[in-house]
C-alpha cells in the first residue's frame, strides 16, 4: 500500500523527487556541485585581500619615505597616483 509501485522506481533521489530515475540523480549531483562552487567562490571573494593589502602596504612605505625626507612633495604625489 505504501511501497514503490506504479511508474516509480527506487531511484527517487532527484530534486525533491520530482525527476525520478538516473536523470534525477545526475541533476542532484549537478545542483550540489554548483552549490559547492558558488560557496567556494563566495568565500574566496570575501577573503581576498591580496590586491588591497599590497596597495595599502605600499602607500604606508611611501608615507614613511616622505616623512623621512627621502622624497619631495612632487615625487610623493606622483608615486601616490601611480600606486592608486
N, C-alpha and C. Protein backbone atom coordinates (compact mmCIF):
# COMPACT_ATOMS: atom_id res chain seq x y z
N UNK A 1 0.81 -1.19 0.00
CA UNK A 1 0.00 0.00 0.00
C UNK A 1 0.85 1.26 0.00
N UNK A 2 1.92 1.31 0.81
CA UNK A 2 2.76 2.49 0.86
C UNK A 2 4.12 2.28 0.19
N UNK A 3 4.31 1.26 -0.56
CA UNK A 3 5.60 0.95 -1.17
C UNK A 3 5.77 1.63 -2.51
N UNK A 4 6.83 1.24 -3.20
CA UNK A 4 7.09 1.76 -4.53
C UNK A 4 6.23 0.99 -5.51
N UNK A 5 5.39 1.67 -6.18
CA UNK A 5 4.52 0.98 -7.12
C UNK A 5 4.26 1.84 -8.33
N UNK A 6 3.52 1.32 -9.24
CA UNK A 6 3.16 2.09 -10.42
C UNK A 6 4.35 2.37 -11.30
N UNK A 7 4.53 3.62 -11.68
CA UNK A 7 5.60 4.03 -12.58
C UNK A 7 6.87 4.47 -11.85
N UNK A 8 6.91 4.34 -10.54
CA UNK A 8 8.06 4.82 -9.79
C UNK A 8 9.12 3.74 -9.66
N UNK A 9 10.35 4.17 -9.62
CA UNK A 9 11.45 3.24 -9.40
C UNK A 9 12.03 3.50 -8.02
N UNK A 10 13.07 2.80 -7.67
CA UNK A 10 13.71 3.04 -6.38
C UNK A 10 14.78 4.11 -6.48
N UNK A 11 14.84 4.84 -7.58
CA UNK A 11 15.83 5.88 -7.81
C UNK A 11 15.30 7.27 -7.46
N UNK A 12 14.36 7.39 -6.58
CA UNK A 12 13.78 8.70 -6.27
C UNK A 12 14.76 9.55 -5.47
N UNK A 13 15.72 10.13 -6.16
CA UNK A 13 16.71 10.97 -5.47
C UNK A 13 16.93 12.27 -6.22
N UNK A 14 16.00 12.67 -7.04
CA UNK A 14 16.14 13.91 -7.81
C UNK A 14 15.81 15.10 -6.96
N UNK A 15 15.61 16.23 -7.59
CA UNK A 15 15.30 17.46 -6.87
C UNK A 15 13.93 17.31 -6.24
N UNK A 16 13.92 16.90 -5.01
CA UNK A 16 12.68 16.71 -4.28
C UNK A 16 11.88 15.53 -4.80
N UNK A 17 12.47 14.65 -5.55
CA UNK A 17 11.76 13.50 -6.08
C UNK A 17 10.92 13.83 -7.31
N UNK A 18 11.06 15.03 -7.84
CA UNK A 18 10.26 15.42 -8.99
C UNK A 18 10.79 14.81 -10.28
N UNK A 19 12.07 14.51 -10.33
CA UNK A 19 12.66 13.90 -11.51
C UNK A 19 13.19 12.53 -11.10
N UNK A 20 12.40 11.50 -11.24
CA UNK A 20 12.85 10.18 -10.81
C UNK A 20 13.83 9.57 -11.82
N UNK A 21 14.55 8.57 -11.36
CA UNK A 21 15.44 7.83 -12.24
C UNK A 21 16.85 8.39 -12.25
N UNK A 22 17.67 7.89 -13.16
CA UNK A 22 19.07 8.34 -13.25
C UNK A 22 19.21 9.83 -13.55
N UNK A 23 18.27 10.38 -14.31
CA UNK A 23 18.33 11.82 -14.62
C UNK A 23 18.20 12.64 -13.34
N UNK A 24 17.36 12.20 -12.42
CA UNK A 24 17.22 12.89 -11.14
C UNK A 24 18.50 12.84 -10.34
N UNK A 25 19.20 11.70 -10.37
CA UNK A 25 20.46 11.59 -9.66
C UNK A 25 21.50 12.52 -10.26
N UNK A 26 21.56 12.59 -11.59
CA UNK A 26 22.52 13.46 -12.27
C UNK A 26 22.22 14.92 -11.94
N UNK A 27 20.95 15.30 -11.96
CA UNK A 27 20.56 16.68 -11.65
C UNK A 27 20.93 17.03 -10.21
N UNK A 28 20.76 16.08 -9.29
CA UNK A 28 21.11 16.32 -7.90
C UNK A 28 22.60 16.56 -7.75
N UNK A 29 23.41 15.75 -8.41
CA UNK A 29 24.86 15.91 -8.35
C UNK A 29 25.27 17.25 -8.94
N UNK A 30 24.67 17.64 -10.05
CA UNK A 30 24.98 18.92 -10.69
C UNK A 30 24.60 20.09 -9.77
N UNK A 31 23.43 20.02 -9.16
CA UNK A 31 23.00 21.11 -8.28
C UNK A 31 23.90 21.23 -7.05
N UNK A 32 24.28 20.09 -6.45
CA UNK A 32 25.19 20.13 -5.30
C UNK A 32 26.57 20.66 -5.73
N UNK A 33 27.01 20.28 -6.91
CA UNK A 33 28.28 20.79 -7.42
C UNK A 33 28.25 22.29 -7.59
N UNK A 34 27.16 22.80 -8.17
CA UNK A 34 27.01 24.25 -8.34
C UNK A 34 26.97 24.96 -6.99
N UNK A 35 26.27 24.38 -6.02
CA UNK A 35 26.20 24.98 -4.69
C UNK A 35 27.59 25.05 -4.05
N UNK A 36 28.37 23.99 -4.20
CA UNK A 36 29.72 23.99 -3.63
C UNK A 36 30.63 25.00 -4.32
N UNK A 37 30.54 25.08 -5.65
CA UNK A 37 31.37 26.04 -6.39
C UNK A 37 31.00 27.47 -6.00
N UNK A 38 29.71 27.76 -5.90
CA UNK A 38 29.28 29.11 -5.51
C UNK A 38 29.73 29.45 -4.09
N UNK A 39 29.64 28.49 -3.18
CA UNK A 39 30.09 28.73 -1.81
C UNK A 39 31.59 28.99 -1.78
N UNK A 40 32.36 28.21 -2.54
CA UNK A 40 33.81 28.39 -2.59
C UNK A 40 34.15 29.76 -3.16
N UNK A 41 33.49 30.16 -4.24
CA UNK A 41 33.76 31.46 -4.86
C UNK A 41 33.38 32.61 -3.91
N UNK A 42 32.28 32.45 -3.17
CA UNK A 42 31.87 33.49 -2.22
C UNK A 42 32.90 33.64 -1.11
N UNK A 43 33.40 32.53 -0.59
CA UNK A 43 34.43 32.58 0.45
C UNK A 43 35.71 33.18 -0.11
N UNK A 44 36.07 32.78 -1.31
CA UNK A 44 37.27 33.31 -1.95
C UNK A 44 37.15 34.82 -2.16
N UNK A 45 35.98 35.30 -2.55
CA UNK A 45 35.76 36.73 -2.77
C UNK A 45 35.82 37.50 -1.45
N UNK A 46 35.21 36.94 -0.41
CA UNK A 46 35.16 37.64 0.87
C UNK A 46 36.53 37.75 1.53
N UNK A 47 37.39 36.77 1.32
CA UNK A 47 38.68 36.77 1.99
C UNK A 47 39.85 37.07 1.08
N UNK A 48 39.60 37.68 -0.05
CA UNK A 48 40.70 38.03 -0.96
C UNK A 48 41.14 39.46 -0.67
N UNK A 49 42.18 39.59 0.10
CA UNK A 49 42.70 40.90 0.46
C UNK A 49 44.03 41.19 -0.22
N UNK A 50 44.45 40.33 -1.12
CA UNK A 50 45.79 40.45 -1.69
C UNK A 50 46.00 41.77 -2.42
N UNK A 51 45.09 42.16 -3.28
CA UNK A 51 45.25 43.40 -4.05
C UNK A 51 45.17 44.63 -3.17
N UNK A 52 44.23 44.66 -2.24
CA UNK A 52 44.06 45.80 -1.36
C UNK A 52 45.21 45.91 -0.38
N UNK A 53 45.66 44.79 0.13
CA UNK A 53 46.73 44.79 1.12
C UNK A 53 48.03 45.31 0.56
N UNK A 54 48.33 44.96 -0.68
CA UNK A 54 49.58 45.41 -1.29
C UNK A 54 49.59 46.92 -1.50
N UNK A 55 48.47 47.48 -1.95
CA UNK A 55 48.45 48.92 -2.19
C UNK A 55 48.48 49.70 -0.88
N UNK A 56 47.84 49.18 0.16
CA UNK A 56 47.89 49.86 1.46
C UNK A 56 49.30 49.81 2.03
N UNK A 57 49.94 48.64 1.92
CA UNK A 57 51.30 48.48 2.42
C UNK A 57 52.25 49.41 1.64
N UNK A 58 52.08 49.48 0.32
CA UNK A 58 52.93 50.35 -0.50
C UNK A 58 52.74 51.81 -0.13
N UNK A 59 51.50 52.21 0.12
CA UNK A 59 51.23 53.59 0.50
C UNK A 59 51.86 53.93 1.85
N UNK A 60 51.83 52.98 2.78
CA UNK A 60 52.46 53.21 4.08
C UNK A 60 53.97 53.37 3.94
N UNK A 61 54.58 52.56 3.11
CA UNK A 61 56.03 52.69 2.87
C UNK A 61 56.34 54.04 2.23
N UNK A 62 55.49 54.45 1.30
CA UNK A 62 55.68 55.74 0.64
C UNK A 62 55.57 56.89 1.63
N UNK A 63 54.61 56.81 2.53
CA UNK A 63 54.45 57.85 3.56
C UNK A 63 55.66 57.90 4.49
N UNK A 64 56.18 56.73 4.83
CA UNK A 64 57.37 56.69 5.69
C UNK A 64 58.57 57.33 4.98
N UNK A 65 58.73 57.05 3.70
CA UNK A 65 59.83 57.65 2.95
C UNK A 65 59.68 59.17 2.84
N UNK A 66 58.44 59.62 2.68
CA UNK A 66 58.18 61.07 2.61
C UNK A 66 58.46 61.72 3.96
N UNK A 67 58.04 61.06 5.03
CA UNK A 67 58.27 61.59 6.36
C UNK A 67 59.76 61.62 6.71
N UNK A 68 60.52 60.67 6.20
CA UNK A 68 61.95 60.62 6.46
C UNK A 68 62.73 61.62 5.61
N UNK A 69 62.07 62.24 4.65
CA UNK A 69 62.72 63.24 3.82
C UNK A 69 63.39 62.66 2.58
N UNK A 70 63.14 61.41 2.28
CA UNK A 70 63.74 60.80 1.09
C UNK A 70 63.07 61.28 -0.20
N UNK A 71 61.83 61.74 -0.09
CA UNK A 71 61.07 62.19 -1.27
C UNK A 71 60.61 63.62 -1.05
N UNK A 72 60.56 64.39 -2.14
CA UNK A 72 59.94 65.71 -2.02
C UNK A 72 58.44 65.57 -2.33
N UNK A 73 57.71 66.67 -2.20
CA UNK A 73 56.25 66.61 -2.33
C UNK A 73 55.81 66.16 -3.71
N UNK A 74 56.44 66.64 -4.76
CA UNK A 74 56.02 66.28 -6.12
C UNK A 74 56.29 64.79 -6.40
N UNK A 75 57.43 64.27 -5.92
CA UNK A 75 57.72 62.84 -6.08
C UNK A 75 56.70 61.99 -5.32
N UNK A 76 56.40 62.44 -4.10
CA UNK A 76 55.41 61.73 -3.28
C UNK A 76 54.06 61.66 -3.97
N UNK A 77 53.59 62.81 -4.47
CA UNK A 77 52.28 62.87 -5.12
C UNK A 77 52.25 61.98 -6.38
N UNK A 78 53.33 62.02 -7.16
CA UNK A 78 53.41 61.21 -8.39
C UNK A 78 53.36 59.72 -8.05
N UNK A 79 54.16 59.31 -7.08
CA UNK A 79 54.19 57.89 -6.69
C UNK A 79 52.85 57.47 -6.09
N UNK A 80 52.21 58.36 -5.35
CA UNK A 80 50.91 58.06 -4.77
C UNK A 80 49.87 57.83 -5.86
N UNK A 81 49.90 58.64 -6.92
CA UNK A 81 48.99 58.45 -8.05
C UNK A 81 49.28 57.13 -8.76
N UNK A 82 50.57 56.79 -8.89
CA UNK A 82 50.95 55.54 -9.55
C UNK A 82 50.46 54.31 -8.79
N UNK A 83 50.48 54.39 -7.47
CA UNK A 83 50.04 53.26 -6.65
C UNK A 83 48.53 53.07 -6.73
N UNK A 84 47.81 54.19 -6.70
CA UNK A 84 46.34 54.12 -6.65
C UNK A 84 45.72 53.75 -7.96
